[in-house]
Amino acid sequence: MNAILLDSPWVMDIIQHFYPDDNMLRHILLQHSRSVRDYALACCQRHPELQLDTQLVADAAMLHDLGIFRCHAPGIYCEGNEPYICHGRIGAELLRGIAREEGRDLEPYARVCERHTGAGLTAQEIVEQQLPLPPLDFLPETTEEKLICYADKFFSKSGDRKEKTPKHVKKSLARFGEAGLKRFLEWEQLFG
């Protein structure tokens, strides 16, 4: 595995832009994102045969929850108005806005944001569950997208922030249907 920058300056600049105050929300975001990043990087180290872009994994893991501040989740100090399920889509829109303004390619990071919710979401799941998202497929496609989605399931931003067991993750995902659990089980075979 090549040497990687854990807190890339450009990533921290984006986080600072949207989370300028040193408050509980920023603390929760950084703690959670670093936990996801470290877990994902440990998976990269265990599986060199996957030839993952470890810098992309590190940076995207730090940005995957960028949109939470616009959501209503008072338990984790999010004082926005949007439903929490929309935070991935919001984060993707924020990154695409920066990309347009600065002429940068942030699409790989935007895709991680919008595809990490649950174990990814299909258009059918969005419609059936009447989620406030456009009826599109938001499934992780690249191996890096899948890895960050997988790693994210082991850490909560609320309550107990310690690493969850695979059994706990599976039980949690099963509440939302078999499809998401099936995707997680495939990723467990790949990354576990």
C-alpha atoms as a PDB file:
ATOM      1  CA  MET A   1       0.000   0.000   0.000  1.00  0.00           C
ATOM      2  CA  ASN A   2       1.410   3.383  -0.984  1.00  0.00           C
ATOM      3  CA  ALA A   3       1.887   6.116   1.591  1.00  0.00           C
ATOM      4  CA  ILE A   4      -1.339   8.041   1.990  1.00  0.00           C
ATOM      5  CA  LEU A   5      -2.290  11.349   3.506  1.00  0.00           C
ATOM      6  CA  LEU A   6      -4.836  10.708   6.269  1.00  0.00           C
ATOM      7  CA  ASP A   7      -6.269  14.225   6.502  1.00  0.00           C
ATOM      8  CA  SER A   8      -5.636  15.645   3.035  1.00  0.00           C
ATOM      9  CA  PRO A   9      -5.505  19.455   3.252  1.00  0.00           C
ATOM     10  CA  TRP A  10      -8.030  19.917   0.421  1.00  0.00           C
ATOM     11  CA  VAL A  11     -10.475  17.555   2.167  1.00  0.00           C
ATOM     12  CA  MET A  12     -10.092  19.365   5.478  1.00  0.00           C
ATOM     13  CA  ASP A  13     -10.605  22.690   3.638  1.00  0.00           C
ATOM     14  CA  ILE A  14     -13.958  21.439   2.312  1.00  0.00           C
ATOM     15  CA  ILE A  15     -15.002  20.223   5.758  1.00  0.00           C
ATOM     16  CA  GLN A  16     -13.909  23.550   7.267  1.00  0.00           C
ATOM     17  CA  HIS A  17     -15.972  25.417   4.645  1.00  0.00           C
ATOM     18  CA  PHE A  18     -19.213  23.651   5.615  1.00  0.00           C
ATOM     19  CA  TYR A  19     -18.377  23.069   9.302  1.00  0.00           C
ATOM     20  CA  PRO A  20     -16.505  26.243  10.318  1.00  0.00           C
ATOM     21  CA  ASP A  21     -17.425  26.090  13.995  1.00  0.00           C
ATOM     22  CA  ASP A  22     -15.630  23.873  16.475  1.00  0.00           C
ATOM     23  CA  ASN A  23     -18.814  22.332  17.855  1.00  0.00           C
ATOM     24  CA  MET A  24     -20.323  18.927  18.631  1.00  0.00           C
ATOM     25  CA  LEU A  25     -21.591  18.384  15.085  1.00  0.00           C
ATOM     26  CA  ARG A  26     -18.125  18.904  13.605  1.00  0.00           C
ATOM     27  CA  HIS A  27     -16.607  16.684  16.309  1.00  0.00           C
ATOM     28  CA  ILE A  28     -19.123  13.895  15.606  1.00  0.00           C
ATOM     29  CA  LEU A  29     -18.592  14.181  11.840  1.00  0.00           C
ATOM     30  CA  LEU A  30     -14.803  14.011  12.133  1.00  0.00           C
ATOM     31  CA  GLN A  31     -14.815  11.179  14.673  1.00  0.00           C
ATOM     32  CA  HIS A  32     -17.218   9.108  12.569  1.00  0.00           C
ATOM     33  CA  SER A  33     -15.477   9.834   9.262  1.00  0.00           C
ATOM     34  CA  ARG A  34     -12.062   8.948  10.671  1.00  0.00           C
ATOM     35  CA  SER A  35     -13.426   5.690  12.094  1.00  0.00           C
ATOM     36  CA  VAL A  36     -14.880   4.768   8.692  1.00  0.00           C
ATOM     37  CA  ARG A  37     -11.650   5.810   6.954  1.00  0.00           C
ATOM     38  CA  ASP A  38      -9.434   3.780   9.273  1.00  0.00           C
ATOM     39  CA  TYR A  39     -11.645   0.691   8.975  1.00  0.00           C
ATOM     40  CA  ALA A  40     -11.705   0.992   5.176  1.00  0.00           C
ATOM     41  CA  LEU A  41      -7.927   1.445   5.006  1.00  0.00           C
ATOM     42  CA  ALA A  42      -7.440  -1.647   7.177  1.00  0.00           C
ATOM     43  CA  CYS A  43      -9.534  -3.558   4.623  1.00  0.00           C
ATOM     44  CA  CYS A  44      -7.306  -2.181   1.846  1.00  0.00           C
ATOM     45  CA  GLN A  45      -4.248  -3.418   3.702  1.00  0.00           C
ATOM     46  CA  ARG A  46      -5.755  -6.905   4.170  1.00  0.00           C
ATOM     47  CA  HIS A  47      -6.673  -7.118   0.489  1.00  0.00           C
ATOM     48  CA  PRO A  48      -3.843  -5.794  -1.711  1.00  0.00           C
ATOM     49  CA  GLU A  49      -5.151  -8.041  -4.504  1.00  0.00           C
ATOM     50  CA  LEU A  50      -8.095  -5.625  -4.910  1.00  0.00           C
ATOM     51  CA  GLN A  51      -5.676  -2.861  -5.975  1.00  0.00           C
ATOM     52  CA  LEU A  52      -7.811  -0.158  -4.396  1.00  0.00           C
ATOM     53  CA  ASP A  53      -7.012   3.535  -4.722  1.00  0.00           C
ATOM     54  CA  THR A  54      -6.183   4.042  -1.056  1.00  0.00           C
ATOM     55  CA  GLN A  55      -5.939   7.834  -1.272  1.00  0.00           C
ATOM     56  CA  LEU A  56      -9.399   7.967  -2.847  1.00  0.00           C
ATOM     57  CA  VAL A  57     -10.684   5.667  -0.085  1.00  0.00           C
ATOM     58  CA  ALA A  58      -9.153   7.850   2.652  1.00  0.00           C
ATOM     59  CA  ASP A  59     -10.436  11.123   1.197  1.00  0.00           C
ATOM     60  CA  ALA A  60     -13.890   9.861   0.202  1.00  0.00           C
ATOM     61  CA  ALA A  61     -14.408   8.323   3.642  1.00  0.00           C
ATOM     62  CA  MET A  62     -13.737  11.727   5.187  1.00  0.00           C
ATOM     63  CA  LEU A  63     -16.292  13.374   2.868  1.00  0.00           C
ATOM     64  CA  HIS A  64     -19.029  10.721   2.725  1.00  0.00           C
ATOM     65  CA  ASP A  65     -21.280  12.406   5.335  1.00  0.00           C
ATOM     66  CA  LEU A  66     -20.621  16.003   4.271  1.00  0.00           C
ATOM     67  CA  GLY A  67     -24.346  16.744   3.866  1.00  0.00           C
ATOM     68  CA  ILE A  68     -25.530  15.938   7.397  1.00  0.00           C
ATOM     69  CA  PHE A  69     -25.581  19.586   8.556  1.00  0.00           C
ATOM     70  CA  ARG A  70     -28.528  20.315   6.253  1.00  0.00           C
ATOM     71  CA  CYS A  71     -30.581  17.519   7.817  1.00  0.00           C
ATOM     72  CA  HIS A  72     -32.829  17.403  10.844  1.00  0.00           C
ATOM     73  CA  ALA A  73     -31.235  15.015  13.332  1.00  0.00           C
ATOM     74  CA  PRO A  74     -31.080  16.803  16.692  1.00  0.00           C
ATOM     75  CA  GLY A  75     -29.632  13.719  18.406  1.00  0.00           C
ATOM     76  CA  ILE A  76     -26.371  14.372  16.548  1.00  0.00           C
ATOM     77  CA  TYR A  77     -26.672  18.178  16.535  1.00  0.00           C
ATOM     78  CA  CYS A  78     -27.894  18.452  12.926  1.00  0.00           C
ATOM     79  CA  GLU A  79     -30.215  21.454  12.868  1.00  0.00           C
ATOM     80  CA  GLY A  80     -31.179  21.552   9.196  1.00  0.00           C
ATOM     81  CA  ASN A  81     -34.593  20.929   7.685  1.00  0.00           C
ATOM     82  CA  GLU A  82     -34.029  18.011   5.320  1.00  0.00           C
ATOM     83  CA  PRO A  83     -34.831  14.383   6.191  1.00  0.00           C
ATOM     84  CA  TYR A  84     -31.697  12.574   7.335  1.00  0.00           C
ATOM     85  CA  ILE A  85     -32.022   9.957   4.574  1.00  0.00           C
ATOM     86  CA  CYS A  86     -31.176  12.786   2.134  1.00  0.00           C
ATOM     87  CA  HIS A  87     -27.740  13.552   3.596  1.00  0.00           C
ATOM     88  CA  GLY A  88     -25.850  11.530   0.995  1.00  0.00           C
ATOM     89  CA  ARG A  89     -27.587  13.224  -1.912  1.00  0.00           C
ATOM     90  CA  ILE A  90     -27.026  16.626  -0.289  1.00  0.00           C
ATOM     91  CA  GLY A  91     -23.313  15.914   0.198  1.00  0.00           C
ATOM     92  CA  ALA A  92     -23.028  14.915  -3.462  1.00  0.00           C
ATOM     93  CA  GLU A  93     -24.701  18.168  -4.536  1.00  0.00           C
ATOM     94  CA  LEU A  94     -22.360  20.208  -2.319  1.00  0.00           C
ATOM     95  CA  LEU A  95     -19.283  18.547  -3.841  1.00  0.00           C
ATOM     96  CA  ARG A  96     -20.614  18.952  -7.377  1.00  0.00           C
ATOM     97  CA  GLY A  97     -21.174  22.641  -6.637  1.00  0.00           C
ATOM     98  CA  ILE A  98     -17.554  23.052  -5.532  1.00  0.00           C
ATOM     99  CA  ALA A  99     -16.416  21.124  -8.607  1.00  0.00           C
ATOM    100  CA  ARG A 100     -18.317  23.520 -10.894  1.00  0.00           C
ATOM    101  CA  GLU A 101     -17.060  26.626  -9.083  1.00  0.00           C
ATOM    102  CA  GLU A 102     -13.428  25.517  -8.965  1.00  0.00           C
ATOM    103  CA  GLY A 103     -13.202  23.424 -12.133  1.00  0.00           C
ATOM    104  CA  ARG A 104     -12.184  20.325 -10.163  1.00  0.00           C
ATOM    105  CA  ASP A 105     -13.128  16.689 -10.612  1.00  0.00           C
ATOM    106  CA  LEU A 106     -14.874  15.700  -7.396  1.00  0.00           C
ATOM    107  CA  GLU A 107     -17.266  13.223  -9.003  1.00  0.00           C
ATOM    108  CA  PRO A 108     -15.714  10.102  -7.401  1.00  0.00           C
ATOM    109  CA  TYR A 109     -16.293  11.681  -3.969  1.00  0.00           C
ATOM    110  CA  ALA A 110     -19.810  12.875  -4.837  1.00  0.00           C
ATOM    111  CA  ARG A 111     -20.701   9.351  -5.935  1.00  0.00           C
ATOM    112  CA  VAL A 112     -19.536   7.930  -2.602  1.00  0.00           C
ATOM    113  CA  CYS A 113     -21.727  10.464  -0.783  1.00  0.00           C
ATOM    114  CA  GLU A 114     -24.895   9.631  -2.686  1.00  0.00           C
ATOM    115  CA  ARG A 115     -24.365   5.858  -2.767  1.00  0.00           C
ATOM    116  CA  HIS A 116     -23.403   5.032   0.832  1.00  0.00           C
ATOM    117  CA  THR A 117     -26.838   5.288   2.485  1.00  0.00           C
ATOM    118  CA  GLY A 118     -27.936   1.937   3.886  1.00  0.00           C
ATOM    119  CA  ALA A 119     -26.260  -0.663   1.705  1.00  0.00           C
ATOM    120  CA  GLY A 120     -27.057   1.522  -1.267  1.00  0.00           C
ATOM    121  CA  LEU A 121     -30.614   2.076  -2.467  1.00  0.00           C
ATOM    122  CA  THR A 122     -32.384   0.981  -5.630  1.00  0.00           C
ATOM    123  CA  ALA A 123     -35.096   3.027  -7.314  1.00  0.00           C
ATOM    124  CA  GLN A 124     -37.517   0.255  -6.380  1.00  0.00           C
ATOM    125  CA  GLU A 125     -36.541   0.430  -2.691  1.00  0.00           C
ATOM    126  CA  ILE A 126     -36.938   4.223  -2.736  1.00  0.00           C
ATOM    127  CA  VAL A 127     -40.450   3.925  -4.198  1.00  0.00           C
ATOM    128  CA  GLU A 128     -41.546   0.987  -2.018  1.00  0.00           C
ATOM    129  CA  GLN A 129     -40.309   2.637   1.181  1.00  0.00           C
ATOM    130  CA  GLN A 130     -41.629   6.049   0.053  1.00  0.00           C
ATOM    131  CA  LEU A 131     -38.279   7.671   0.720  1.00  0.00           C
ATOM    132  CA  PRO A 132     -37.896  11.401  -0.034  1.00  0.00           C
ATOM    133  CA  LEU A 133     -35.338  10.760  -2.784  1.00  0.00           C
ATOM    134  CA  PRO A 134     -35.630  10.708  -6.562  1.00  0.00           C
ATOM    135  CA  PRO A 135     -36.539   7.211  -7.807  1.00  0.00           C
ATOM    136  CA  LEU A 136     -33.052   6.401  -9.064  1.00  0.00           C
ATOM    137  CA  ASP A 137     -30.531   3.705  -8.255  1.00  0.00           C
ATOM    138  CA  PHE A 138     -28.030   4.918  -5.671  1.00  0.00           C
ATOM    139  CA  LEU A 139     -25.970   1.745  -5.470  1.00  0.00           C
ATOM    140  CA  PRO A 140     -22.212   1.673  -4.952  1.00  0.00           C
ATOM    141  CA  GLU A 141     -20.607   0.531  -8.201  1.00  0.00           C
ATOM    142  CA  THR A 142     -16.838   0.846  -7.902  1.00  0.00           C
ATOM    143  CA  THR A 143     -14.948  -1.268  -5.398  1.00  0.00           C
ATOM    144  CA  GLU A 144     -13.964   1.893  -3.507  1.00  0.00           C
ATOM    145  CA  GLU A 145     -17.635   2.979  -3.289  1.00  0.00           C
ATOM    146  CA  LYS A 146     -18.614  -0.456  -2.009  1.00  0.00           C
ATOM    147  CA  LEU A 147     -15.804  -0.456   0.555  1.00  0.00           C
ATOM    148  CA  ILE A 148     -16.761   2.893   2.078  1.00  0.00           C
ATOM    149  CA  CYS A 149     -20.431   1.907   2.186  1.00  0.00           C
ATOM    150  CA  TYR A 150     -19.414  -1.353   3.887  1.00  0.00           C
ATOM    151  CA  ALA A 151     -17.084   0.324   6.402  1.00  0.00           C
ATOM    152  CA  ASP A 152     -19.691   2.967   7.249  1.00  0.00           C
ATOM    153  CA  LYS A 153     -22.091   0.321   8.531  1.00  0.00           C
ATOM    154  CA  PHE A 154     -19.762  -0.484  11.439  1.00  0.00           C
ATOM    155  CA  PHE A 155     -19.949   2.995  13.008  1.00  0.00           C
ATOM    156  CA  SER A 156     -22.800   5.153  14.247  1.00  0.00           C
ATOM    157  CA  LYS A 157     -22.831   8.895  14.735  1.00  0.00           C
ATOM    158  CA  SER A 158     -25.306   8.597  17.612  1.00  0.00           C
ATOM    159  CA  GLY A 159     -25.363   6.596  20.812  1.00  0.00           C
ATOM    160  CA  ASP A 160     -22.554   4.077  21.092  1.00  0.00           C
ATOM    161  CA  ARG A 161     -19.897   5.120  18.606  1.00  0.00           C
ATOM    162  CA  LYS A 162     -17.749   2.031  19.126  1.00  0.00           C
ATOM    163  CA  GLU A 163     -17.264  -0.387  16.249  1.00  0.00           C
ATOM    164  CA  LYS A 164     -20.308  -2.614  15.744  1.00  0.00           C
ATOM    165  CA  THR A 165     -19.992  -6.352  15.315  1.00  0.00           C
ATOM    166  CA  PRO A 166     -20.857  -7.896  11.935  1.00  0.00           C
ATOM    167  CA  LYS A 167     -23.818  -9.594  13.647  1.00  0.00           C
ATOM    168  CA  HIS A 168     -25.163  -6.227  14.825  1.00  0.00           C
ATOM    169  CA  VAL A 169     -24.728  -4.680  11.362  1.00  0.00           C
ATOM    170  CA  LYS A 170     -26.573  -7.572   9.713  1.00  0.00           C
ATOM    171  CA  LYS A 171     -29.443  -7.368  12.185  1.00  0.00           C
ATOM    172  CA  SER A 172     -29.729  -3.626  11.605  1.00  0.00           C
ATOM    173  CA  LEU A 173     -29.708  -3.952   7.805  1.00  0.00           C
ATOM    174  CA  ALA A 174     -32.216  -6.830   7.832  1.00  0.00           C
ATOM    175  CA  ARG A 175     -34.865  -4.461   9.240  1.00  0.00           C
ATOM    176  CA  PHE A 176     -34.872  -2.634   5.898  1.00  0.00           C
ATOM    177  CA  GLY A 177     -35.189  -5.690   3.677  1.00  0.00           C
ATOM    178  CA  GLU A 178     -33.263  -8.580   2.241  1.00  0.00           C
ATOM    179  CA  ALA A 179     -31.737  -6.734  -0.725  1.00  0.00           C
ATOM    180  CA  GLY A 180     -29.513  -4.459   1.377  1.00  0.00           C
ATOM    181  CA  LEU A 181     -28.500  -7.329   3.620  1.00  0.00           C
ATOM    182  CA  LYS A 182     -27.595  -9.414   0.572  1.00  0.00           C
ATOM    183  CA  ARG A 183     -25.364  -6.614  -0.751  1.00  0.00           C
ATOM    184  CA  PHE A 184     -23.666  -6.319   2.637  1.00  0.00           C
ATOM    185  CA  LEU A 185     -23.025 -10.074   2.763  1.00  0.00           C
ATOM    186  CA  GLU A 186     -21.373  -9.893  -0.677  1.00  0.00           C
ATOM    187  CA  TRP A 187     -19.148  -7.065   0.547  1.00  0.00           C
ATOM    188  CA  GLU A 188     -18.323  -9.017   3.688  1.00  0.00           C
ATOM    189  CA  GLN A 189     -16.970 -11.808   1.474  1.00  0.00           C
ATOM    190  CA  LEU A 190     -14.937  -9.280  -0.497  1.00  0.00           C
ATOM    191  CA  PHE A 191     -13.575  -7.114   2.327  1.00  0.00           C
ATOM    192  CA  GLY A 192     -13.912  -9.170   5.527  1.00  0.00           C
END
